[in-house]
PDB file of N, CA and C in Angstrom:
ATOM      1  N   MET A   1     -98.793  -0.787  31.943  1.00  0.00           N
ATOM      2  CA  MET A   1     -97.939   0.385  31.995  1.00  0.00           C
ATOM      3  C   MET A   1     -98.736   1.559  32.550  1.00  0.00           C
ATOM      4  N   GLU A   2     -98.156   2.269  33.490  1.00  0.00           N
ATOM      5  CA  GLU A   2     -98.828   3.405  34.103  1.00  0.00           C
ATOM      6  C   GLU A   2     -98.805   4.605  33.181  1.00  0.00           C
ATOM      7  N   LYS A   3     -99.874   5.391  33.241  1.00  0.00           N
ATOM      8  CA  LYS A   3     -99.903   6.631  32.480  1.00  0.00           C
ATOM      9  C   LYS A   3     -99.133   7.689  33.258  1.00  0.00           C
ATOM     10  N   PRO A   4     -98.281   8.459  32.559  1.00  0.00           N
ATOM     11  CA  PRO A   4     -97.566   9.510  33.268  1.00  0.00           C
ATOM     12  C   PRO A   4     -98.519  10.622  33.689  1.00  0.00           C
ATOM     13  N   SER A   5     -98.154  11.337  34.756  1.00  0.00           N
ATOM     14  CA  SER A   5     -99.009  12.399  35.262  1.00  0.00           C
ATOM     15  C   SER A   5     -98.933  13.645  34.384  1.00  0.00           C
ATOM     16  N   HIS A   6     -97.935  13.743  33.538  1.00  0.00           N
ATOM     17  CA  HIS A   6     -97.805  14.879  32.622  1.00  0.00           C
ATOM     18  C   HIS A   6     -97.718  14.361  31.187  1.00  0.00           C
ATOM     19  N   LYS A   7     -98.089  15.216  30.264  1.00  0.00           N
ATOM     20  CA  LYS A   7     -98.066  14.822  28.861  1.00  0.00           C
ATOM     21  C   LYS A   7     -96.626  14.810  28.352  1.00  0.00           C
ATOM     22  N   ILE A   8     -96.277  13.767  27.623  1.00  0.00           N
ATOM     23  CA  ILE A   8     -94.939  13.615  27.063  1.00  0.00           C
ATOM     24  C   ILE A   8     -94.837  14.442  25.792  1.00  0.00           C
ATOM     25  N   TRP A   9     -93.883  15.360  25.744  1.00  0.00           N
ATOM     26  CA  TRP A   9     -93.648  16.162  24.541  1.00  0.00           C
ATOM     27  C   TRP A   9     -92.691  15.455  23.592  1.00  0.00           C
ATOM     28  N   PHE A  10     -91.733  14.714  24.156  1.00  0.00           N
ATOM     29  CA  PHE A  10     -90.687  14.064  23.363  1.00  0.00           C
ATOM     30  C   PHE A  10     -90.614  12.591  23.756  1.00  0.00           C
ATOM     31  N   PRO A  11     -91.195  11.710  22.958  1.00  0.00           N
ATOM     32  CA  PRO A  11     -91.125  10.276  23.285  1.00  0.00           C
ATOM     33  C   PRO A  11     -89.713   9.741  23.060  1.00  0.00           C
ATOM     34  N   ALA A  12     -89.402   8.662  23.738  1.00  0.00           N
ATOM     35  CA  ALA A  12     -88.104   8.015  23.548  1.00  0.00           C
ATOM     36  C   ALA A  12     -88.048   7.400  22.152  1.00  0.00           C
ATOM     37  N   LYS A  13     -86.839   7.337  21.605  1.00  0.00           N
ATOM     38  CA  LYS A  13     -86.659   6.735  20.279  1.00  0.00           C
ATOM     39  C   LYS A  13     -86.982   5.242  20.329  1.00  0.00           C
ATOM     40  N   ARG A  14     -87.406   4.697  19.188  1.00  0.00           N
ATOM     41  CA  ARG A  14     -87.694   3.261  19.126  1.00  0.00           C
ATOM     42  C   ARG A  14     -86.423   2.431  19.120  1.00  0.00           C
ATOM     43  N   ASN A  15     -85.366   2.938  18.506  1.00  0.00           N
ATOM     44  CA  ASN A  15     -84.085   2.233  18.436  1.00  0.00           C
ATOM     45  C   ASN A  15     -82.991   3.166  18.929  1.00  0.00           C
ATOM     46  N   GLY A  16     -82.118   2.636  19.765  1.00  0.00           N
ATOM     47  CA  GLY A  16     -81.022   3.437  20.272  1.00  0.00           C
ATOM     48  C   GLY A  16     -81.387   4.140  21.561  1.00  0.00           C
ATOM     49  N   TRP A  17     -80.671   5.232  21.854  1.00  0.00           N
ATOM     50  CA  TRP A  17     -80.855   5.963  23.098  1.00  0.00           C
ATOM     51  C   TRP A  17     -81.202   7.404  22.763  1.00  0.00           C
ATOM     52  N   GLY A  18     -82.096   7.993  23.512  1.00  0.00           N
ATOM     53  CA  GLY A  18     -82.422   9.402  23.319  1.00  0.00           C
ATOM     54  C   GLY A  18     -83.888   9.608  23.029  1.00  0.00           C
ATOM     55  N   TRP A  19     -84.178  10.784  22.466  1.00  0.00           N
ATOM     56  CA  TRP A  19     -85.554  11.186  22.208  1.00  0.00           C
ATOM     57  C   TRP A  19     -85.810  11.268  20.717  1.00  0.00           C
ATOM     58  N   GLY A  20     -87.052  11.018  20.350  1.00  0.00           N
ATOM     59  CA  GLY A  20     -87.455  11.101  18.956  1.00  0.00           C
ATOM     60  C   GLY A  20     -88.079  12.457  18.649  1.00  0.00           C
ATOM     61  N   PHE A  21     -88.829  12.502  17.563  1.00  0.00           N
ATOM     62  CA  PHE A  21     -89.501  13.734  17.181  1.00  0.00           C
ATOM     63  C   PHE A  21     -90.612  14.060  18.176  1.00  0.00           C
ATOM     64  N   PRO A  22     -90.970  15.327  18.296  1.00  0.00           N
ATOM     65  CA  PRO A  22     -92.031  15.714  19.237  1.00  0.00           C
ATOM     66  C   PRO A  22     -93.361  15.042  18.932  1.00  0.00           C
ATOM     67  N   SER A  23     -94.155  14.842  19.973  1.00  0.00           N
ATOM     68  CA  SER A  23     -95.451  14.187  19.820  1.00  0.00           C
ATOM     69  C   SER A  23     -96.614  15.162  19.992  1.00  0.00           C
ATOM     70  N   CYS A  24     -96.334  16.447  20.219  1.00  0.00           N
ATOM     71  CA  CYS A  24     -97.399  17.431  20.373  1.00  0.00           C
ATOM     72  C   CYS A  24     -96.892  18.796  19.906  1.00  0.00           C
ATOM     73  N   TRP A  25     -97.792  19.744  19.825  1.00  0.00           N
ATOM     74  CA  TRP A  25     -97.434  21.051  19.291  1.00  0.00           C
ATOM     75  C   TRP A  25     -96.423  21.779  20.179  1.00  0.00           C
ATOM     76  N   GLN A  26     -96.453  21.537  21.486  1.00  0.00           N
ATOM     77  CA  GLN A  26     -95.502  22.199  22.376  1.00  0.00           C
ATOM     78  C   GLN A  26     -94.066  21.781  22.057  1.00  0.00           C
ATOM     79  N   GLY A  27     -93.884  20.514  21.754  1.00  0.00           N
ATOM     80  CA  GLY A  27     -92.559  20.033  21.384  1.00  0.00           C
ATOM     81  C   GLY A  27     -92.072  20.656  20.087  1.00  0.00           C
ATOM     82  N   TRP A  28     -92.978  20.760  19.106  1.00  0.00           N
ATOM     83  CA  TRP A  28     -92.597  21.395  17.841  1.00  0.00           C
ATOM     84  C   TRP A  28     -92.294  22.869  18.051  1.00  0.00           C
ATOM     85  N   ALA A  29     -93.024  23.524  18.949  1.00  0.00           N
ATOM     86  CA  ALA A  29     -92.751  24.933  19.248  1.00  0.00           C
ATOM     87  C   ALA A  29     -91.359  25.090  19.861  1.00  0.00           C
ATOM     88  N   VAL A  30     -90.972  24.166  20.737  1.00  0.00           N
ATOM     89  CA  VAL A  30     -89.632  24.209  21.324  1.00  0.00           C
ATOM     90  C   VAL A  30     -88.575  24.086  20.227  1.00  0.00           C
ATOM     91  N   PHE A  31     -88.765  23.154  19.299  1.00  0.00           N
ATOM     92  CA  PHE A  31     -87.817  22.999  18.179  1.00  0.00           C
ATOM     93  C   PHE A  31     -87.730  24.272  17.337  1.00  0.00           C
ATOM     94  N   ILE A  32     -88.874  24.851  17.000  1.00  0.00           N
ATOM     95  CA  ILE A  32     -88.877  26.052  16.169  1.00  0.00           C
ATOM     96  C   ILE A  32     -88.184  27.201  16.869  1.00  0.00           C
ATOM     97  N   ILE A  33     -88.476  27.405  18.146  1.00  0.00           N
ATOM     98  CA  ILE A  33     -87.821  28.478  18.902  1.00  0.00           C
ATOM     99  C   ILE A  33     -86.322  28.230  19.002  1.00  0.00           C
ATOM    100  N   PHE A  34     -85.923  26.977  19.233  1.00  0.00           N
ATOM    101  CA  PHE A  34     -84.497  26.648  19.304  1.00  0.00           C
ATOM    102  C   PHE A  34     -83.791  27.038  18.015  1.00  0.00           C
ATOM    103  N   TYR A  35     -84.358  26.636  16.868  1.00  0.00           N
ATOM    104  CA  TYR A  35     -83.703  26.932  15.587  1.00  0.00           C
ATOM    105  C   TYR A  35     -83.760  28.412  15.244  1.00  0.00           C
ATOM    106  N   LEU A  36     -84.809  29.116  15.635  1.00  0.00           N
ATOM    107  CA  LEU A  36     -84.849  30.565  15.415  1.00  0.00           C
ATOM    108  C   LEU A  36     -83.769  31.277  16.229  1.00  0.00           C
ATOM    109  N   LEU A  37     -83.614  30.886  17.486  1.00  0.00           N
ATOM    110  CA  LEU A  37     -82.567  31.488  18.323  1.00  0.00           C
ATOM    111  C   LEU A  37     -81.179  31.142  17.802  1.00  0.00           C
ATOM    112  N   LEU A  38     -81.005  29.939  17.333  1.00  0.00           N
ATOM    113  CA  LEU A  38     -79.724  29.532  16.757  1.00  0.00           C
ATOM    114  C   LEU A  38     -79.416  30.337  15.495  1.00  0.00           C
ATOM    115  N   GLY A  39     -80.415  30.526  14.653  1.00  0.00           N
ATOM    116  CA  GLY A  39     -80.237  31.337  13.452  1.00  0.00           C
ATOM    117  C   GLY A  39     -79.945  32.788  13.780  1.00  0.00           C
ATOM    118  N   PHE A  40     -80.625  33.317  14.791  1.00  0.00           N
ATOM    119  CA  PHE A  40     -80.367  34.684  15.239  1.00  0.00           C
ATOM    120  C   PHE A  40     -78.929  34.839  15.712  1.00  0.00           C
ATOM    121  N   ALA A  41     -78.464  33.873  16.504  1.00  0.00           N
ATOM    122  CA  ALA A  41     -77.083  33.922  16.999  1.00  0.00           C
ATOM    123  C   ALA A  41     -76.092  33.819  15.845  1.00  0.00           C
ATOM    124  N   ALA A  42     -76.375  32.984  14.885  1.00  0.00           N
ATOM    125  CA  ALA A  42     -75.474  32.837  13.736  1.00  0.00           C
ATOM    126  C   ALA A  42     -75.432  34.122  12.919  1.00  0.00           C
ATOM    127  N   PHE A  43     -76.562  34.718  12.708  1.00  0.00           N
ATOM    128  CA  PHE A  43     -76.635  35.938  11.900  1.00  0.00           C
ATOM    129  C   PHE A  43     -75.893  37.099  12.569  1.00  0.00           C
ATOM    130  N   HIS A  44     -76.031  37.219  13.891  1.00  0.00           N
ATOM    131  CA  HIS A  44     -75.456  38.366  14.586  1.00  0.00           C
ATOM    132  C   HIS A  44     -74.026  38.168  15.071  1.00  0.00           C
ATOM    133  N   TRP A  45     -73.646  36.947  15.425  1.00  0.00           N
ATOM    134  CA  TRP A  45     -72.338  36.765  16.041  1.00  0.00           C
ATOM    135  C   TRP A  45     -71.332  35.990  15.208  1.00  0.00           C
ATOM    136  N   MET A  46     -71.775  35.192  14.289  1.00  0.00           N
ATOM    137  CA  MET A  46     -70.850  34.308  13.582  1.00  0.00           C
ATOM    138  C   MET A  46     -69.748  35.056  12.825  1.00  0.00           C
ATOM    139  N   PRO A  47     -70.061  36.082  12.034  1.00  0.00           N
ATOM    140  CA  PRO A  47     -68.973  36.702  11.265  1.00  0.00           C
ATOM    141  C   PRO A  47     -67.894  37.369  12.126  1.00  0.00           C
ATOM    142  N   GLN A  48     -68.302  38.167  13.116  1.00  0.00           N
ATOM    143  CA  GLN A  48     -67.315  38.926  13.892  1.00  0.00           C
ATOM    144  C   GLN A  48     -66.925  38.265  15.214  1.00  0.00           C
ATOM    145  N   HIS A  49     -67.813  37.531  15.806  1.00  0.00           N
ATOM    146  CA  HIS A  49     -67.565  36.968  17.140  1.00  0.00           C
ATOM    147  C   HIS A  49     -67.884  35.477  17.176  1.00  0.00           C
ATOM    148  N   PRO A  50     -67.042  34.634  16.593  1.00  0.00           N
ATOM    149  CA  PRO A  50     -67.359  33.192  16.574  1.00  0.00           C
ATOM    150  C   PRO A  50     -67.397  32.568  17.970  1.00  0.00           C
ATOM    151  N   ARG A  51     -66.656  33.135  18.918  1.00  0.00           N
ATOM    152  CA  ARG A  51     -66.710  32.590  20.285  1.00  0.00           C
ATOM    153  C   ARG A  51     -68.074  32.822  20.922  1.00  0.00           C
ATOM    154  N   HIS A  52     -68.668  33.976  20.674  1.00  0.00           N
ATOM    155  CA  HIS A  52     -70.010  34.242  21.192  1.00  0.00           C
ATOM    156  C   HIS A  52     -71.018  33.278  20.564  1.00  0.00           C
ATOM    157  N   PHE A  53     -70.852  33.030  19.277  1.00  0.00           N
ATOM    158  CA  PHE A  53     -71.742  32.086  18.604  1.00  0.00           C
ATOM    159  C   PHE A  53     -71.579  30.687  19.188  1.00  0.00           C
ATOM    160  N   PHE A  54     -70.357  30.251  19.409  1.00  0.00           N
ATOM    161  CA  PHE A  54     -70.111  28.932  19.998  1.00  0.00           C
ATOM    162  C   PHE A  54     -70.744  28.839  21.382  1.00  0.00           C
ATOM    163  N   LEU A  55     -70.588  29.882  22.193  1.00  0.00           N
ATOM    164  CA  LEU A  55     -71.174  29.892  23.533  1.00  0.00           C
ATOM    165  C   LEU A  55     -72.697  29.834  23.446  1.00  0.00           C
ATOM    166  N   ALA A  56     -73.289  30.570  22.514  1.00  0.00           N
ATOM    167  CA  ALA A  56     -74.743  30.531  22.334  1.00  0.00           C
ATOM    168  C   ALA A  56     -75.195  29.128  21.935  1.00  0.00           C
ATOM    169  N   CYS A  57     -74.443  28.467  21.048  1.00  0.00           N
ATOM    170  CA  CYS A  57     -74.787  27.092  20.639  1.00  0.00           C
ATOM    171  C   CYS A  57     -74.760  26.143  21.828  1.00  0.00           C
ATOM    172  N   VAL A  58     -73.739  26.265  22.653  1.00  0.00           N
ATOM    173  CA  VAL A  58     -73.618  25.389  23.819  1.00  0.00           C
ATOM    174  C   VAL A  58     -74.767  25.635  24.795  1.00  0.00           C
ATOM    175  N   LEU A  59     -75.045  26.904  25.094  1.00  0.00           N
ATOM    176  CA  LEU A  59     -76.109  27.221  26.051  1.00  0.00           C
ATOM    177  C   LEU A  59     -77.489  26.815  25.531  1.00  0.00           C
ATOM    178  N   LEU A  60     -77.751  27.084  24.258  1.00  0.00           N
ATOM    179  CA  LEU A  60     -79.039  26.682  23.687  1.00  0.00           C
ATOM    180  C   LEU A  60     -79.194  25.161  23.667  1.00  0.00           C
ATOM    181  N   SER A  61     -78.112  24.448  23.378  1.00  0.00           N
ATOM    182  CA  SER A  61     -78.167  22.982  23.369  1.00  0.00           C
ATOM    183  C   SER A  61     -78.411  22.424  24.766  1.00  0.00           C
ATOM    184  N   LEU A  62     -77.765  23.005  25.763  1.00  0.00           N
ATOM    185  CA  LEU A  62     -77.994  22.564  27.146  1.00  0.00           C
ATOM    186  C   LEU A  62     -79.425  22.844  27.575  1.00  0.00           C
ATOM    187  N   LEU A  63     -79.962  23.981  27.166  1.00  0.00           N
ATOM    188  CA  LEU A  63     -81.348  24.301  27.480  1.00  0.00           C
ATOM    189  C   LEU A  63     -82.293  23.313  26.799  1.00  0.00           C
ATOM    190  N   LEU A  64     -82.016  22.977  25.551  1.00  0.00           N
ATOM    191  CA  LEU A  64     -82.855  22.012  24.827  1.00  0.00           C
ATOM    192  C   LEU A  64     -82.803  20.638  25.488  1.00  0.00           C
ATOM    193  N   ILE A  65     -81.629  20.201  25.887  1.00  0.00           N
ATOM    194  CA  ILE A  65     -81.501  18.907  26.572  1.00  0.00           C
ATOM    195  C   ILE A  65     -82.244  18.933  27.906  1.00  0.00           C
ATOM    196  N   GLY A  66     -82.189  20.062  28.608  1.00  0.00           N
ATOM    197  CA  GLY A  66     -82.937  20.199  29.856  1.00  0.00           C
ATOM    198  C   GLY A  66     -84.434  20.076  29.647  1.00  0.00           C
ATOM    199  N   ILE A  67     -84.939  20.684  28.564  1.00  0.00           N
ATOM    200  CA  ILE A  67     -86.364  20.567  28.245  1.00  0.00           C
ATOM    201  C   ILE A  67     -86.701  19.125  27.878  1.00  0.00           C
ATOM    202  N   PHE A  68     -85.803  18.460  27.140  1.00  0.00           N
ATOM    203  CA  PHE A  68     -86.014  17.044  26.827  1.00  0.00           C
ATOM    204  C   PHE A  68     -86.142  16.226  28.115  1.00  0.00           C
ATOM    205  N   CYS A  69     -85.281  16.487  29.073  1.00  0.00           N
ATOM    206  CA  CYS A  69     -85.313  15.729  30.328  1.00  0.00           C
ATOM    207  C   CYS A  69     -86.586  16.002  31.123  1.00  0.00           C
ATOM    208  N   LEU A  70     -87.056  17.258  31.109  1.00  0.00           N
ATOM    209  CA  LEU A  70     -88.252  17.605  31.872  1.00  0.00           C
ATOM    210  C   LEU A  70     -89.535  17.138  31.210  1.00  0.00           C
ATOM    211  N   LYS A  71     -89.611  17.249  29.898  1.00  0.00           N
ATOM    212  CA  LYS A  71     -90.864  17.011  29.194  1.00  0.00           C
ATOM    213  C   LYS A  71     -90.842  15.765  28.306  1.00  0.00           C
ATOM    214  N   GLY A  72     -89.795  14.985  28.386  1.00  0.00           N
ATOM    215  CA  GLY A  72     -89.706  13.786  27.563  1.00  0.00           C
ATOM    216  C   GLY A  72     -89.722  12.522  28.395  1.00  0.00           C
ATOM    217  N   GLU A  73     -89.882  11.412  27.692  1.00  0.00           N
ATOM    218  CA  GLU A  73     -89.779  10.114  28.364  1.00  0.00           C
ATOM    219  C   GLU A  73     -88.356   9.911  28.862  1.00  0.00           C
ATOM    220  N   LYS A  74     -88.226   9.061  29.850  1.00  0.00           N
ATOM    221  CA  LYS A  74     -86.893   8.724  30.327  1.00  0.00           C
ATOM    222  C   LYS A  74     -86.196   7.919  29.228  1.00  0.00           C
ATOM    223  N   PRO A  75     -85.056   8.403  28.739  1.00  0.00           N
ATOM    224  CA  PRO A  75     -84.391   7.664  27.661  1.00  0.00           C
ATOM    225  C   PRO A  75     -83.720   6.401  28.186  1.00  0.00           C
ATOM    226  N   ARG A  76     -83.721   5.400  27.357  1.00  0.00           N
ATOM    227  CA  ARG A  76     -83.021   4.147  27.675  1.00  0.00           C
ATOM    228  C   ARG A  76     -82.691   3.472  26.351  1.00  0.00           C
ATOM    229  N   TRP A  77     -81.807   2.510  26.396  1.00  0.00           N
ATOM    230  CA  TRP A  77     -81.468   1.773  25.182  1.00  0.00           C
ATOM    231  C   TRP A  77     -82.644   0.931  24.764  1.00  0.00           C
ATOM    232  N   ARG A  78     -83.016   1.039  23.501  1.00  0.00           N
ATOM    233  CA  ARG A  78     -84.112   0.251  22.943  1.00  0.00           C
ATOM    234  C   ARG A  78     -83.641  -0.382  21.639  1.00  0.00           C
ATOM    235  N   TRP A  79     -84.194  -1.541  21.369  1.00  0.00           N
ATOM    236  CA  TRP A  79     -83.890  -2.236  20.126  1.00  0.00           C
ATOM    237  C   TRP A  79     -85.185  -2.596  19.442  1.00  0.00           C
ATOM    238  N   SER A  80     -85.130  -2.930  18.177  1.00  0.00           N
ATOM    239  CA  SER A  80     -86.326  -3.200  17.369  1.00  0.00           C
ATOM    240  C   SER A  80     -87.224  -4.284  17.954  1.00  0.00           C
ATOM    241  N   LYS A  81     -86.651  -5.270  18.622  1.00  0.00           N
ATOM    242  CA  LYS A  81     -87.450  -6.366  19.160  1.00  0.00           C
ATOM    243  C   LYS A  81     -88.298  -5.930  20.352  1.00  0.00           C
ATOM    244  N   ASP A  82     -87.979  -4.774  20.973  1.00  0.00           N
ATOM    245  CA  ASP A  82     -88.796  -4.274  22.086  1.00  0.00           C
ATOM    246  C   ASP A  82     -90.129  -3.781  21.565  1.00  0.00           C
ATOM    247  N   SER A  83     -91.161  -3.962  22.359  1.00  0.00           N
ATOM    248  CA  SER A  83     -92.476  -3.468  21.955  1.00  0.00           C
ATOM    249  C   SER A  83     -92.764  -2.139  22.618  1.00  0.00           C
TER     250      SER A  83
END
C-alpha cells in the first residue's frame, strides 16, 4: 500500500461507509471548532431566528464534509473481514 503524500486527519471507518474519529490533533481541532460554532449559532439564533440556525447548521455541516473529503481517506464500504 502506498503512503499518501499528505497526513490523513480522518481515517475511513472500519465498518460501513464514511470517516471515523480523527487520527491527529488537527482533526480534533476541526471537531472542536465545528461544535463551538454550532453552539454559538444555537445560542444566538435558535430562540428568535430558527431559520438562521438551520442555515448555519447546513453550511457548517457542508464545510465539515468538505474538510473530511480534503483531509480524510477516500471513504468506501468496508466490512469486518477486510484488513
